[in-house]
Amino acid sequence: MRSSTIFATIIALSAATPALADDVKVGIGISGWTGFAPLTLAKEAGIFKKNGLDVTIKKIPQKDRHLAIASGDVQCAATTVETWISWNANGVATKQIFQLDKSFGADGMAVRNDVAAIKDLKGKTVAASAPGTSPYFALAWMLKKNGLTVKDVTVVNLEPAAAAQAFVSGQNDAAMTYEPYLSTVRAAPDKGKIIATTLDYPMVMDTFGCTPKFLTENPKAAKALADSYFEALEMIAKDQAKAYEIMGADVKQSGEAFEGSQKYLRWQDKAANQKFFAGEHAAFSKEAADLLLEAGVIKSIPDLSKLADTRYIQ
């Protein structure tokens, strides 16, 4: 009964609220990563529409998302903090405007059961997305913390879902993946184990950003995007079962399965956002940029002080 009341209220608000941002059209590039799911909820539950936004969400692999921004196919995207550094370093100007989530075990490295430590992967084959993506960066980060580099392993470029599927079918010595696909490995202990996650190496945090052109031309819409995200988090808190059902359906999970996936991350509300951008964002960006340069993902470090605009979370 409660869920139907909440949805009736959302529909009523949609009808009653004037278009705050004149139904500004916004294309958003994301993946099926569990952390991005509140954006899907904001669209499906009518929150974006209520706040004057005409949002189109497009599933675009992380390795191609910046190309969609550069071509104008989308104006905004969700991705990891270090990825924005890569995009800007490679000429795709973007600014982060709010934080989405932090991974608490939702990203990880799967290895065969006979691999005792990450340093034992030297000379072995690891499935991971292409350079410039979160799984590749996570691989470089974990290897570095264990005295290795990506040059010490053979990287097979597979997207997170394919990397997990290939691993449980017996291919490769290790795989970098994330929820909901990491649960595929959790469910097949005979095939291997998860040797490390972001609980061990806290270096996956996602933010939402747009092109400077979009932000300059649509400041009200940018604020509406941030507000809509925070409203989606409020809706999850008020009606978890219904919210999980909607978010799970988008990635072909039941509400119960989605609930299991989201346990490994934390969505970040407005207060958490303000705290994050007050210091942690800049410190992490510096360490990440140095690693990206060392790994050859970027040729030079862009001006890190210009990669975020925090006006929309105040």
C-alpha atoms as a PDB file:
ATOM      1  CA  MET A   1       0.000   0.000   0.000  1.00  0.00           C
ATOM      2  CA  ARG A   2       2.812   2.360   0.953  1.00  0.00           C
ATOM      3  CA  SER A   3       4.591   1.981  -2.410  1.00  0.00           C
ATOM      4  CA  SER A   4       1.448   2.706  -4.409  1.00  0.00           C
ATOM      5  CA  THR A   5       0.829   5.832  -2.322  1.00  0.00           C
ATOM      6  CA  ILE A   6       4.350   7.088  -2.952  1.00  0.00           C
ATOM      7  CA  PHE A   7       4.042   6.509  -6.686  1.00  0.00           C
ATOM      8  CA  ALA A   8       0.644   8.216  -6.781  1.00  0.00           C
ATOM      9  CA  THR A   9       2.257  11.196  -5.056  1.00  0.00           C
ATOM     10  CA  ILE A  10       5.086  11.280  -7.608  1.00  0.00           C
ATOM     11  CA  ILE A  11       2.619  11.204 -10.493  1.00  0.00           C
ATOM     12  CA  ALA A  12       0.544  13.963  -8.874  1.00  0.00           C
ATOM     13  CA  LEU A  13       3.648  16.079  -8.360  1.00  0.00           C
ATOM     14  CA  SER A  14       4.667  15.514 -11.976  1.00  0.00           C
ATOM     15  CA  ALA A  15       1.335  16.858 -13.129  1.00  0.00           C
ATOM     16  CA  ALA A  16       1.228  19.751 -10.675  1.00  0.00           C
ATOM     17  CA  THR A  17       4.794  21.041 -10.765  1.00  0.00           C
ATOM     18  CA  PRO A  18       5.647  23.598 -13.447  1.00  0.00           C
ATOM     19  CA  ALA A  19       8.655  22.746 -15.632  1.00  0.00           C
ATOM     20  CA  LEU A  20      11.477  24.026 -13.480  1.00  0.00           C
ATOM     21  CA  ALA A  21      14.016  23.865 -16.281  1.00  0.00           C
ATOM     22  CA  ASP A  22      11.639  24.100 -19.258  1.00  0.00           C
ATOM     23  CA  ASP A  23      11.874  20.376 -19.989  1.00  0.00           C
ATOM     24  CA  VAL A  24      15.543  20.661 -20.884  1.00  0.00           C
ATOM     25  CA  LYS A  25      16.646  17.663 -22.933  1.00  0.00           C
ATOM     26  CA  VAL A  26      19.588  15.830 -21.376  1.00  0.00           C
ATOM     27  CA  GLY A  27      21.353  12.744 -22.693  1.00  0.00           C
ATOM     28  CA  ILE A  28      23.152  10.772 -19.980  1.00  0.00           C
ATOM     29  CA  GLY A  29      25.687   8.002 -20.635  1.00  0.00           C
ATOM     30  CA  ILE A  30      25.942   5.248 -18.015  1.00  0.00           C
ATOM     31  CA  SER A  31      26.558   1.501 -17.644  1.00  0.00           C
ATOM     32  CA  GLY A  32      24.696  -1.186 -15.733  1.00  0.00           C
ATOM     33  CA  TRP A  33      26.857  -0.567 -12.645  1.00  0.00           C
ATOM     34  CA  THR A  34      24.767  -0.797  -9.475  1.00  0.00           C
ATOM     35  CA  GLY A  35      26.025   2.570  -8.230  1.00  0.00           C
ATOM     36  CA  PHE A  36      24.390   4.410 -11.134  1.00  0.00           C
ATOM     37  CA  ALA A  37      20.964   2.842 -10.556  1.00  0.00           C
ATOM     38  CA  PRO A  38      19.411   5.834  -8.713  1.00  0.00           C
ATOM     39  CA  LEU A  39      19.690   7.744 -12.013  1.00  0.00           C
ATOM     40  CA  THR A  40      17.501   5.070 -13.607  1.00  0.00           C
ATOM     41  CA  LEU A  41      15.122   5.341 -10.667  1.00  0.00           C
ATOM     42  CA  ALA A  42      14.936   9.121 -11.065  1.00  0.00           C
ATOM     43  CA  LYS A  43      13.878   8.618 -14.668  1.00  0.00           C
ATOM     44  CA  GLU A  44      11.476   5.700 -14.204  1.00  0.00           C
ATOM     45  CA  ALA A  45       9.760   7.194 -11.134  1.00  0.00           C
ATOM     46  CA  GLY A  46       9.222  10.553 -12.826  1.00  0.00           C
ATOM     47  CA  ILE A  47      11.608  12.517 -10.587  1.00  0.00           C
ATOM     48  CA  PHE A  48      13.606  13.998 -13.476  1.00  0.00           C
ATOM     49  CA  LYS A  49      10.379  14.956 -15.241  1.00  0.00           C
ATOM     50  CA  LYS A  50       8.945  16.550 -12.090  1.00  0.00           C
ATOM     51  CA  ASN A  51      12.089  18.688 -11.893  1.00  0.00           C
ATOM     52  CA  GLY A  52      11.767  19.921 -15.476  1.00  0.00           C
ATOM     53  CA  LEU A  53      14.146  17.539 -17.209  1.00  0.00           C
ATOM     54  CA  ASP A  54      13.566  15.469 -20.346  1.00  0.00           C
ATOM     55  CA  VAL A  55      16.201  12.791 -19.714  1.00  0.00           C
ATOM     56  CA  THR A  56      17.374  10.055 -22.072  1.00  0.00           C
ATOM     57  CA  ILE A  57      19.622   7.458 -20.450  1.00  0.00           C
ATOM     58  CA  LYS A  58      21.943   5.560 -22.780  1.00  0.00           C
ATOM     59  CA  LYS A  59      23.942   2.480 -21.822  1.00  0.00           C
ATOM     60  CA  ILE A  60      27.407   3.110 -23.235  1.00  0.00           C
ATOM     61  CA  PRO A  61      30.545   1.096 -22.320  1.00  0.00           C
ATOM     62  CA  GLN A  62      32.918   3.166 -20.208  1.00  0.00           C
ATOM     63  CA  LYS A  63      35.628   2.933 -22.847  1.00  0.00           C
ATOM     64  CA  ASP A  64      33.320   4.689 -25.349  1.00  0.00           C
ATOM     65  CA  ARG A  65      31.421   7.104 -23.091  1.00  0.00           C
ATOM     66  CA  HIS A  66      33.730  10.066 -23.739  1.00  0.00           C
ATOM     67  CA  LEU A  67      33.254   9.576 -27.489  1.00  0.00           C
ATOM     68  CA  ALA A  68      29.494   9.965 -27.008  1.00  0.00           C
ATOM     69  CA  ILE A  69      30.129  13.195 -25.080  1.00  0.00           C
ATOM     70  CA  ALA A  70      32.557  14.488 -27.711  1.00  0.00           C
ATOM     71  CA  SER A  71      30.063  13.784 -30.507  1.00  0.00           C
ATOM     72  CA  GLY A  72      27.204  15.497 -28.639  1.00  0.00           C
ATOM     73  CA  ASP A  73      25.228  12.254 -28.426  1.00  0.00           C
ATOM     74  CA  VAL A  74      25.069  12.799 -24.642  1.00  0.00           C
ATOM     75  CA  GLN A  75      25.785  15.925 -22.608  1.00  0.00           C
ATOM     76  CA  CYS A  76      26.382  14.266 -19.240  1.00  0.00           C
ATOM     77  CA  ALA A  77      27.677  10.969 -17.917  1.00  0.00           C
ATOM     78  CA  ALA A  78      28.383   8.910 -14.834  1.00  0.00           C
ATOM     79  CA  THR A  79      31.829   7.426 -14.330  1.00  0.00           C
ATOM     80  CA  THR A  80      34.692   7.038 -11.867  1.00  0.00           C
ATOM     81  CA  VAL A  81      36.672  10.034 -10.612  1.00  0.00           C
ATOM     82  CA  GLU A  82      39.902   9.041 -12.353  1.00  0.00           C
ATOM     83  CA  THR A  83      38.107   8.537 -15.677  1.00  0.00           C
ATOM     84  CA  TRP A  84      37.204  12.239 -15.813  1.00  0.00           C
ATOM     85  CA  ILE A  85      40.938  12.925 -15.534  1.00  0.00           C
ATOM     86  CA  SER A  86      41.615  10.677 -18.545  1.00  0.00           C
ATOM     87  CA  TRP A  87      38.824  12.273 -20.583  1.00  0.00           C
ATOM     88  CA  ASN A  88      40.024  15.820 -19.908  1.00  0.00           C
ATOM     89  CA  ALA A  89      43.640  14.828 -20.546  1.00  0.00           C
ATOM     90  CA  ASN A  90      42.532  13.482 -23.925  1.00  0.00           C
ATOM     91  CA  GLY A  91      40.649  16.618 -24.964  1.00  0.00           C
ATOM     92  CA  VAL A  92      37.080  15.813 -23.857  1.00  0.00           C
ATOM     93  CA  ALA A  93      36.244  18.747 -21.576  1.00  0.00           C
ATOM     94  CA  THR A  94      33.916  17.805 -18.701  1.00  0.00           C
ATOM     95  CA  LYS A  95      33.184  18.899 -15.141  1.00  0.00           C
ATOM     96  CA  GLN A  96      31.969  16.744 -12.250  1.00  0.00           C
ATOM     97  CA  ILE A  97      28.956  18.229 -10.455  1.00  0.00           C
ATOM     98  CA  PHE A  98      27.982  15.651  -7.821  1.00  0.00           C
ATOM     99  CA  GLN A  99      29.134  12.350  -6.342  1.00  0.00           C
ATOM    100  CA  LEU A 100      27.081   9.211  -6.947  1.00  0.00           C
ATOM    101  CA  ASP A 101      28.585   6.413  -4.887  1.00  0.00           C
ATOM    102  CA  LYS A 102      31.562   4.841  -3.221  1.00  0.00           C
ATOM    103  CA  SER A 103      32.376   1.180  -3.684  1.00  0.00           C
ATOM    104  CA  PHE A 104      32.635  -0.898  -0.503  1.00  0.00           C
ATOM    105  CA  GLY A 105      33.494  -4.256  -2.022  1.00  0.00           C
ATOM    106  CA  ALA A 106      31.455  -3.885  -5.217  1.00  0.00           C
ATOM    107  CA  ASP A 107      34.544  -3.851  -7.456  1.00  0.00           C
ATOM    108  CA  GLY A 108      37.078  -6.608  -7.247  1.00  0.00           C
ATOM    109  CA  MET A 109      39.676  -8.967  -8.614  1.00  0.00           C
ATOM    110  CA  ALA A 110      38.802 -12.621  -9.088  1.00  0.00           C
ATOM    111  CA  VAL A 111      41.604 -15.177  -9.245  1.00  0.00           C
ATOM    112  CA  ARG A 112      41.908 -18.930  -9.486  1.00  0.00           C
ATOM    113  CA  ASN A 113      41.919 -20.757  -6.185  1.00  0.00           C
ATOM    114  CA  ASP A 114      45.622 -21.611  -6.444  1.00  0.00           C
ATOM    115  CA  VAL A 115      46.649 -17.924  -6.554  1.00  0.00           C
ATOM    116  CA  ALA A 116      47.686 -17.046  -2.982  1.00  0.00           C
ATOM    117  CA  ALA A 117      48.479 -13.342  -3.424  1.00  0.00           C
ATOM    118  CA  ILE A 118      48.162 -10.569  -6.027  1.00  0.00           C
ATOM    119  CA  LYS A 119      51.953 -10.566  -6.521  1.00  0.00           C
ATOM    120  CA  ASP A 120      51.609 -14.167  -7.762  1.00  0.00           C
ATOM    121  CA  LEU A 121      49.832 -12.863 -10.889  1.00  0.00           C
ATOM    122  CA  LYS A 122      53.170 -11.935 -12.464  1.00  0.00           C
ATOM    123  CA  GLY A 123      53.245 -13.452 -15.953  1.00  0.00           C
ATOM    124  CA  LYS A 124      49.570 -14.447 -15.802  1.00  0.00           C
ATOM    125  CA  THR A 125      46.521 -13.394 -17.836  1.00  0.00           C
ATOM    126  CA  VAL A 126      43.988 -10.920 -16.439  1.00  0.00           C
ATOM    127  CA  ALA A 127      40.695  -9.925 -18.087  1.00  0.00           C
ATOM    128  CA  ALA A 128      39.939  -6.209 -17.716  1.00  0.00           C
ATOM    129  CA  SER A 129      38.349  -3.397 -19.694  1.00  0.00           C
ATOM    130  CA  ALA A 130      40.529  -1.180 -21.881  1.00  0.00           C
ATOM    131  CA  PRO A 131      42.955   1.472 -20.575  1.00  0.00           C
ATOM    132  CA  GLY A 132      41.012   4.544 -19.457  1.00  0.00           C
ATOM    133  CA  THR A 133      38.299   2.520 -17.715  1.00  0.00           C
ATOM    134  CA  SER A 134      37.651   1.847 -14.034  1.00  0.00           C
ATOM    135  CA  PRO A 135      38.489  -1.914 -14.089  1.00  0.00           C
ATOM    136  CA  TYR A 136      41.819  -1.224 -15.841  1.00  0.00           C
ATOM    137  CA  PHE A 137      42.619   1.497 -13.318  1.00  0.00           C
ATOM    138  CA  ALA A 138      41.638  -0.807 -10.437  1.00  0.00           C
ATOM    139  CA  LEU A 139      43.983  -3.440 -11.861  1.00  0.00           C
ATOM    140  CA  ALA A 140      46.856  -0.930 -12.118  1.00  0.00           C
ATOM    141  CA  TRP A 141      46.149   0.322  -8.583  1.00  0.00           C
ATOM    142  CA  MET A 142      46.038  -3.151  -6.991  1.00  0.00           C
ATOM    143  CA  LEU A 143      49.141  -4.312  -8.859  1.00  0.00           C
ATOM    144  CA  LYS A 144      51.085  -1.196  -7.828  1.00  0.00           C
ATOM    145  CA  LYS A 145      50.168  -1.705  -4.160  1.00  0.00           C
ATOM    146  CA  ASN A 146      51.677  -5.205  -4.521  1.00  0.00           C
ATOM    147  CA  GLY A 147      54.905  -4.253  -6.270  1.00  0.00           C
ATOM    148  CA  LEU A 148      53.789  -4.960  -9.865  1.00  0.00           C
ATOM    149  CA  THR A 149      52.648  -2.957 -12.892  1.00  0.00           C
ATOM    150  CA  VAL A 150      50.281  -3.754 -15.757  1.00  0.00           C
ATOM    151  CA  LYS A 151      53.403  -4.643 -17.773  1.00  0.00           C
ATOM    152  CA  ASP A 152      53.923  -7.634 -15.454  1.00  0.00           C
ATOM    153  CA  VAL A 153      50.666  -9.286 -16.586  1.00  0.00           C
ATOM    154  CA  THR A 154      48.936  -9.987 -19.900  1.00  0.00           C
ATOM    155  CA  VAL A 155      45.726  -7.955 -20.048  1.00  0.00           C
ATOM    156  CA  VAL A 156      42.854  -9.346 -22.121  1.00  0.00           C
ATOM    157  CA  ASN A 157      40.341  -6.575 -22.811  1.00  0.00           C
ATOM    158  CA  LEU A 158      36.878  -7.736 -21.770  1.00  0.00           C
ATOM    159  CA  GLU A 159      34.039  -5.627 -20.369  1.00  0.00           C
ATOM    160  CA  PRO A 160      33.017  -6.399 -16.739  1.00  0.00           C
ATOM    161  CA  ALA A 161      30.087  -8.715 -17.570  1.00  0.00           C
ATOM    162  CA  ALA A 162      32.106 -10.635 -20.166  1.00  0.00           C
ATOM    163  CA  ALA A 163      35.163 -10.770 -17.887  1.00  0.00           C
ATOM    164  CA  ALA A 164      33.111 -12.424 -15.127  1.00  0.00           C
ATOM    165  CA  GLN A 165      31.428 -14.860 -17.521  1.00  0.00           C
ATOM    166  CA  ALA A 166      34.737 -15.822 -19.131  1.00  0.00           C
ATOM    167  CA  PHE A 167      36.304 -16.376 -15.696  1.00  0.00           C
ATOM    168  CA  VAL A 168      33.592 -18.734 -14.431  1.00  0.00           C
ATOM    169  CA  SER A 169      33.754 -20.624 -17.731  1.00  0.00           C
ATOM    170  CA  GLY A 170      37.458 -21.288 -17.087  1.00  0.00           C
ATOM    171  CA  GLN A 171      39.153 -18.587 -19.171  1.00  0.00           C
ATOM    172  CA  ASN A 172      42.043 -16.392 -17.899  1.00  0.00           C
ATOM    173  CA  ASP A 173      43.884 -16.523 -14.584  1.00  0.00           C
ATOM    174  CA  ALA A 174      42.145 -13.498 -13.134  1.00  0.00           C
ATOM    175  CA  ALA A 175      39.390 -10.988 -13.910  1.00  0.00           C
ATOM    176  CA  MET A 176      38.527  -7.427 -12.942  1.00  0.00           C
ATOM    177  CA  THR A 177      34.791  -6.869 -12.607  1.00  0.00           C
ATOM    178  CA  TYR A 178      32.099  -5.207 -10.488  1.00  0.00           C
ATOM    179  CA  GLU A 179      28.548  -5.660  -9.237  1.00  0.00           C
ATOM    180  CA  PRO A 180      26.209  -7.058 -10.350  1.00  0.00           C
ATOM    181  CA  TYR A 181      28.717  -9.230 -12.266  1.00  0.00           C
ATOM    182  CA  LEU A 182      31.057  -9.820  -9.325  1.00  0.00           C
ATOM    183  CA  SER A 183      28.252 -11.858  -7.764  1.00  0.00           C
ATOM    184  CA  THR A 184      28.618 -14.299 -10.698  1.00  0.00           C
ATOM    185  CA  VAL A 185      32.051 -15.127  -9.271  1.00  0.00           C
ATOM    186  CA  ARG A 186      30.791 -15.149  -5.678  1.00  0.00           C
ATOM    187  CA  ALA A 187      28.269 -17.801  -6.784  1.00  0.00           C
ATOM    188  CA  ALA A 188      30.956 -20.092  -8.294  1.00  0.00           C
ATOM    189  CA  PRO A 189      33.532 -20.764  -5.536  1.00  0.00           C
ATOM    190  CA  ASP A 190      34.786 -23.867  -7.340  1.00  0.00           C
ATOM    191  CA  LYS A 191      35.988 -21.651 -10.229  1.00  0.00           C
ATOM    192  CA  GLY A 192      37.926 -19.177  -8.152  1.00  0.00           C
ATOM    193  CA  LYS A 193      37.822 -16.573  -5.401  1.00  0.00           C
ATOM    194  CA  ILE A 194      37.672 -12.822  -4.970  1.00  0.00           C
ATOM    195  CA  ILE A 195      41.154 -12.015  -3.719  1.00  0.00           C
ATOM    196  CA  ALA A 196      40.633  -8.268  -3.269  1.00  0.00           C
ATOM    197  CA  THR A 197      37.857  -5.693  -3.486  1.00  0.00           C
ATOM    198  CA  THR A 198      37.433  -1.998  -2.818  1.00  0.00           C
ATOM    199  CA  LEU A 199      37.160  -2.878   0.878  1.00  0.00           C
ATOM    200  CA  ASP A 200      40.880  -3.692   0.670  1.00  0.00           C
ATOM    201  CA  TYR A 201      41.692  -0.944  -1.824  1.00  0.00           C
ATOM    202  CA  PRO A 202      39.194   1.945  -1.513  1.00  0.00           C
ATOM    203  CA  MET A 203      39.742   3.571  -4.898  1.00  0.00           C
ATOM    204  CA  VAL A 204      36.449   3.346  -6.795  1.00  0.00           C
ATOM    205  CA  MET A 205      34.184   6.344  -6.402  1.00  0.00           C
ATOM    206  CA  ASP A 206      31.746   7.594  -9.000  1.00  0.00           C
ATOM    207  CA  THR A 207      30.680  11.075  -9.919  1.00  0.00           C
ATOM    208  CA  PHE A 208      28.256  12.664 -12.378  1.00  0.00           C
ATOM    209  CA  GLY A 209      29.437  15.325 -14.784  1.00  0.00           C
ATOM    210  CA  CYS A 210      28.547  17.294 -17.895  1.00  0.00           C
ATOM    211  CA  THR A 211      30.218  19.346 -20.588  1.00  0.00           C
ATOM    212  CA  PRO A 212      31.128  22.933 -19.656  1.00  0.00           C
ATOM    213  CA  LYS A 213      28.883  24.069 -22.536  1.00  0.00           C
ATOM    214  CA  PHE A 214      25.839  22.291 -21.097  1.00  0.00           C
ATOM    215  CA  LEU A 215      26.515  23.671 -17.595  1.00  0.00           C
ATOM    216  CA  THR A 216      26.945  27.238 -18.860  1.00  0.00           C
ATOM    217  CA  GLU A 217      23.785  27.111 -20.953  1.00  0.00           C
ATOM    218  CA  ASN A 218      21.645  25.181 -18.447  1.00  0.00           C
ATOM    219  CA  PRO A 219      22.576  26.047 -14.835  1.00  0.00           C
ATOM    220  CA  LYS A 220      19.014  25.368 -13.581  1.00  0.00           C
ATOM    221  CA  ALA A 221      18.974  21.982 -15.303  1.00  0.00           C
ATOM    222  CA  ALA A 222      22.348  21.102 -13.745  1.00  0.00           C
ATOM    223  CA  LYS A 223      20.946  21.901 -10.288  1.00  0.00           C
ATOM    224  CA  ALA A 224      17.818  19.873 -11.148  1.00  0.00           C
ATOM    225  CA  LEU A 225      19.998  16.877 -12.069  1.00  0.00           C
ATOM    226  CA  ALA A 226      21.737  16.963  -8.676  1.00  0.00           C
ATOM    227  CA  ASP A 227      18.472  17.534  -6.796  1.00  0.00           C
ATOM    228  CA  SER A 228      16.819  14.655  -8.670  1.00  0.00           C
ATOM    229  CA  TYR A 229      19.598  12.289  -7.668  1.00  0.00           C
ATOM    230  CA  PHE A 230      19.237  13.205  -4.001  1.00  0.00           C
ATOM    231  CA  GLU A 231      15.442  12.810  -4.282  1.00  0.00           C
ATOM    232  CA  ALA A 232      15.946   9.323  -5.730  1.00  0.00           C
ATOM    233  CA  LEU A 233      18.041   8.426  -2.678  1.00  0.00           C
ATOM    234  CA  GLU A 234      15.218   9.689  -0.439  1.00  0.00           C
ATOM    235  CA  MET A 235      12.777   7.501  -2.343  1.00  0.00           C
ATOM    236  CA  ILE A 236      15.016   4.452  -1.840  1.00  0.00           C
ATOM    237  CA  ALA A 237      15.032   5.162   1.896  1.00  0.00           C
ATOM    238  CA  LYS A 238      11.225   5.474   2.000  1.00  0.00           C
ATOM    239  CA  ASP A 239      10.259   2.543  -0.222  1.00  0.00           C
ATOM    240  CA  GLN A 240      13.205   0.186  -0.605  1.00  0.00           C
ATOM    241  CA  ALA A 241      11.366  -2.807  -2.034  1.00  0.00           C
ATOM    242  CA  LYS A 242       9.745  -0.868  -4.889  1.00  0.00           C
ATOM    243  CA  ALA A 243      12.927   1.098  -5.620  1.00  0.00           C
ATOM    244  CA  TYR A 244      15.050  -2.070  -5.730  1.00  0.00           C
ATOM    245  CA  GLU A 245      12.508  -3.658  -8.060  1.00  0.00           C
ATOM    246  CA  ILE A 246      12.701  -0.732 -10.516  1.00  0.00           C
ATOM    247  CA  MET A 247      16.496  -0.472 -10.377  1.00  0.00           C
ATOM    248  CA  GLY A 248      16.964  -4.231 -10.597  1.00  0.00           C
ATOM    249  CA  ALA A 249      14.688  -4.571 -13.630  1.00  0.00           C
ATOM    250  CA  ASP A 250      16.997  -2.251 -15.581  1.00  0.00           C
ATOM    251  CA  VAL A 251      19.906  -4.710 -15.176  1.00  0.00           C
ATOM    252  CA  LYS A 252      17.785  -7.877 -15.391  1.00  0.00           C
ATOM    253  CA  GLN A 253      17.920  -8.533 -11.639  1.00  0.00           C
ATOM    254  CA  SER A 254      15.049  -9.221  -9.268  1.00  0.00           C
ATOM    255  CA  GLY A 255      14.495  -6.707  -6.497  1.00  0.00           C
ATOM    256  CA  GLU A 256      16.011  -9.201  -4.056  1.00  0.00           C
ATOM    257  CA  ALA A 257      19.107  -9.769  -6.209  1.00  0.00           C
ATOM    258  CA  PHE A 258      19.566  -6.020  -6.641  1.00  0.00           C
ATOM    259  CA  GLU A 259      19.363  -5.574  -2.884  1.00  0.00           C
ATOM    260  CA  GLY A 260      22.234  -8.054  -2.584  1.00  0.00           C
ATOM    261  CA  SER A 261      24.357  -6.132  -5.118  1.00  0.00           C
ATOM    262  CA  GLN A 262      23.827  -2.718  -3.519  1.00  0.00           C
ATOM    263  CA  LYS A 263      25.129  -3.955  -0.159  1.00  0.00           C
ATOM    264  CA  TYR A 264      28.637  -3.567  -1.537  1.00  0.00           C
ATOM    265  CA  LEU A 265      28.440   0.176  -2.161  1.00  0.00           C
ATOM    266  CA  ARG A 266      27.181   3.392  -0.569  1.00  0.00           C
ATOM    267  CA  TRP A 267      25.202   6.003  -2.444  1.00  0.00           C
ATOM    268  CA  GLN A 268      26.237   9.502  -1.412  1.00  0.00           C
ATOM    269  CA  ASP A 269      23.634  12.037  -0.222  1.00  0.00           C
ATOM    270  CA  LYS A 270      24.040  15.831  -0.265  1.00  0.00           C
ATOM    271  CA  ALA A 271      25.897  15.997   3.075  1.00  0.00           C
ATOM    272  CA  ALA A 272      28.302  13.249   1.954  1.00  0.00           C
ATOM    273  CA  ASN A 273      28.797  15.108  -1.337  1.00  0.00           C
ATOM    274  CA  GLN A 274      29.734  18.342   0.396  1.00  0.00           C
ATOM    275  CA  LYS A 275      32.236  16.528   2.610  1.00  0.00           C
ATOM    276  CA  PHE A 276      33.753  14.614  -0.338  1.00  0.00           C
ATOM    277  CA  PHE A 277      34.335  17.687  -2.500  1.00  0.00           C
ATOM    278  CA  ALA A 278      35.792  19.603   0.469  1.00  0.00           C
ATOM    279  CA  GLY A 279      39.035  17.615   0.350  1.00  0.00           C
ATOM    280  CA  GLU A 280      38.959  13.922  -0.514  1.00  0.00           C
ATOM    281  CA  HIS A 281      38.137  14.519  -4.197  1.00  0.00           C
ATOM    282  CA  ALA A 282      41.240  16.664  -4.765  1.00  0.00           C
ATOM    283  CA  ALA A 283      43.558  14.338  -2.816  1.00  0.00           C
ATOM    284  CA  PHE A 284      42.381  11.220  -4.640  1.00  0.00           C
ATOM    285  CA  SER A 285      42.496  12.981  -8.037  1.00  0.00           C
ATOM    286  CA  LYS A 286      46.172  13.828  -7.494  1.00  0.00           C
ATOM    287  CA  GLU A 287      47.142  10.229  -6.611  1.00  0.00           C
ATOM    288  CA  ALA A 288      45.024   8.842  -9.450  1.00  0.00           C
ATOM    289  CA  ALA A 289      46.488  11.260 -12.014  1.00  0.00           C
ATOM    290  CA  ASP A 290      50.032  10.246 -11.059  1.00  0.00           C
ATOM    291  CA  LEU A 291      49.169   6.555 -11.537  1.00  0.00           C
ATOM    292  CA  LEU A 292      47.413   7.214 -14.879  1.00  0.00           C
ATOM    293  CA  LEU A 293      50.537   9.019 -16.099  1.00  0.00           C
ATOM    294  CA  GLU A 294      52.805   6.219 -14.846  1.00  0.00           C
ATOM    295  CA  ALA A 295      50.615   3.555 -16.505  1.00  0.00           C
ATOM    296  CA  GLY A 296      50.698   5.430 -19.817  1.00  0.00           C
ATOM    297  CA  VAL A 297      46.925   6.004 -19.876  1.00  0.00           C
ATOM    298  CA  ILE A 298      47.495   9.776 -20.136  1.00  0.00           C
ATOM    299  CA  LYS A 299      50.451  11.726 -21.541  1.00  0.00           C
ATOM    300  CA  SER A 300      50.033  14.770 -19.296  1.00  0.00           C
ATOM    301  CA  ILE A 301      47.997  15.704 -16.222  1.00  0.00           C
ATOM    302  CA  PRO A 302      45.194  18.234 -16.855  1.00  0.00           C
ATOM    303  CA  ASP A 303      44.460  21.109 -14.442  1.00  0.00           C
ATOM    304  CA  LEU A 304      42.881  19.076 -11.618  1.00  0.00           C
ATOM    305  CA  SER A 305      41.478  22.205  -9.955  1.00  0.00           C
ATOM    306  CA  LYS A 306      39.089  22.709 -12.877  1.00  0.00           C
ATOM    307  CA  LEU A 307      37.536  19.228 -13.010  1.00  0.00           C
ATOM    308  CA  ALA A 308      34.662  19.857 -10.575  1.00  0.00           C
ATOM    309  CA  ASP A 309      31.973  22.509 -10.097  1.00  0.00           C
ATOM    310  CA  THR A 310      30.371  22.183  -6.673  1.00  0.00           C
ATOM    311  CA  ARG A 311      27.730  24.942  -6.997  1.00  0.00           C
ATOM    312  CA  TYR A 312      24.971  22.414  -7.630  1.00  0.00           C
ATOM    313  CA  ILE A 313      25.315  20.530  -4.329  1.00  0.00           C
ATOM    314  CA  GLN A 314      25.135  23.554  -2.020  1.00  0.00           C
END
